[in-house]
Protein backbone atom coordinates (compact mmCIF):
# COMPACT_ATOMS: atom_id res chain seq x y z
CA MET A 1 -32.29 -109.99 -37.36
CA MET A 2 -30.68 -107.92 -34.62
CA PHE A 3 -32.00 -107.45 -31.11
CA TYR A 4 -30.82 -104.69 -28.85
CA GLY A 5 -30.29 -105.68 -25.24
CA SER A 6 -31.30 -108.95 -23.71
CA GLY A 7 -34.97 -108.73 -24.66
CA VAL A 8 -36.00 -109.50 -21.08
CA GLY A 9 -38.02 -106.30 -20.74
CA MET A 10 -40.49 -107.34 -23.40
CA GLY A 11 -40.78 -110.85 -21.96
CA TRP A 12 -41.67 -109.60 -18.48
CA SER A 13 -44.22 -107.17 -19.76
CA MET A 14 -45.90 -109.93 -21.77
CA ILE A 15 -45.98 -112.23 -18.73
CA VAL A 16 -47.46 -109.50 -16.52
CA PHE A 17 -50.00 -108.65 -19.24
CA ALA A 18 -50.93 -112.32 -19.60
CA ILE A 19 -51.61 -112.57 -15.85
CA VAL A 20 -53.14 -109.17 -15.12
CA LEU A 21 -55.56 -109.02 -18.06
CA PRO A 22 -57.33 -112.32 -17.30
CA ALA A 23 -57.45 -111.40 -13.60
CA LEU A 24 -59.16 -108.11 -14.46
CA VAL A 25 -61.64 -109.88 -16.73
CA VAL A 26 -62.48 -112.44 -14.03
CA ALA A 27 -62.88 -109.68 -11.42
CA ALA A 28 -65.20 -107.71 -13.73
CA VAL A 29 -67.35 -110.79 -14.40
CA LEU A 30 -67.62 -111.57 -10.69
CA ILE A 31 -68.58 -108.00 -9.84
CA LEU A 32 -71.24 -107.91 -12.56
CA ALA A 33 -72.60 -111.28 -11.45
CA GLN A 34 -72.88 -109.98 -7.88
CA PHE A 35 -74.99 -107.03 -9.02
CA ARG A 36 -77.26 -109.14 -11.22
CA ARG A 37 -77.93 -111.83 -8.62
CA ALA A 38 -81.36 -111.76 -7.03
CA PRO A 39 -81.49 -110.90 -3.35
CA GLU A 40 -81.15 -113.97 -1.13
CA ASN A 41 -84.17 -113.06 0.98
CA PRO A 42 -86.73 -111.29 -1.19
CA PRO A 43 -89.25 -109.23 0.73
CA ASP A 44 -92.37 -111.13 1.68
CA PRO A 45 -95.43 -109.32 0.27
CA ASP A 46 -97.60 -110.83 3.02
CA HIS A 47 -95.31 -109.61 5.79
CA ILE A 48 -97.02 -107.18 8.13
CA PRO A 49 -94.72 -104.90 10.15
CA ASP A 50 -94.86 -105.41 13.91
CA ALA A 51 -96.47 -102.03 14.61
CA GLU A 52 -99.29 -102.71 12.16
CA ARG A 53 -99.80 -106.19 13.58
CA THR A 54 -100.02 -104.79 17.12
CA LEU A 55 -102.47 -102.14 15.97
CA ALA A 56 -104.61 -104.77 14.21
CA ASP A 57 -104.56 -106.95 17.34
CA ARG A 58 -105.77 -104.02 19.46
CA PHE A 59 -108.55 -103.34 16.96
CA VAL A 60 -109.65 -107.00 16.94
CA ARG A 61 -109.71 -107.10 20.74
CA GLY A 62 -111.94 -104.02 20.72
CA GLU A 63 -109.42 -101.77 22.49
CA ILE A 64 -109.66 -99.10 19.76
CA ALA A 65 -112.46 -98.04 17.42
CA MET A 66 -112.36 -98.42 13.65
CA GLU A 67 -111.77 -94.69 13.06
CA GLU A 68 -108.83 -94.65 15.45
CA TYR A 69 -107.45 -97.83 13.87
CA GLU A 70 -107.64 -96.39 10.36
CA ASP A 71 -106.13 -93.07 11.46
CA ARG A 72 -103.20 -94.74 13.22
CA LEU A 73 -102.66 -97.15 10.33
CA ARG A 74 -102.44 -94.23 7.89
CA THR A 75 -99.95 -92.52 10.21
CA LEU A 76 -97.79 -95.66 10.45
CA ARG A 77 -97.73 -96.19 6.69
CA ALA A 78 -96.95 -92.52 6.00
CA ALA A 79 -94.04 -92.60 8.45
CA ARG A 80 -92.61 -95.71 6.78
CA ARG A 81 -92.25 -94.01 3.37
């Protein structure tokens, strides 16, 4: 069997391919795992925003009437969307 040249070109390309391909696979797996991971701090469904809490406190203390409380609460929630 006859080889032309030293054959080094094919050897280097195989080495680079053997290093680059696994690195790309590992990088793709890590990126996909990052997207699939659940958020570290999921939103608390019982959390009340500060503005709503302040409004509720004012209503409880009797500083505002129920109609005003409900109107302002609707305004706050509409602005948050």
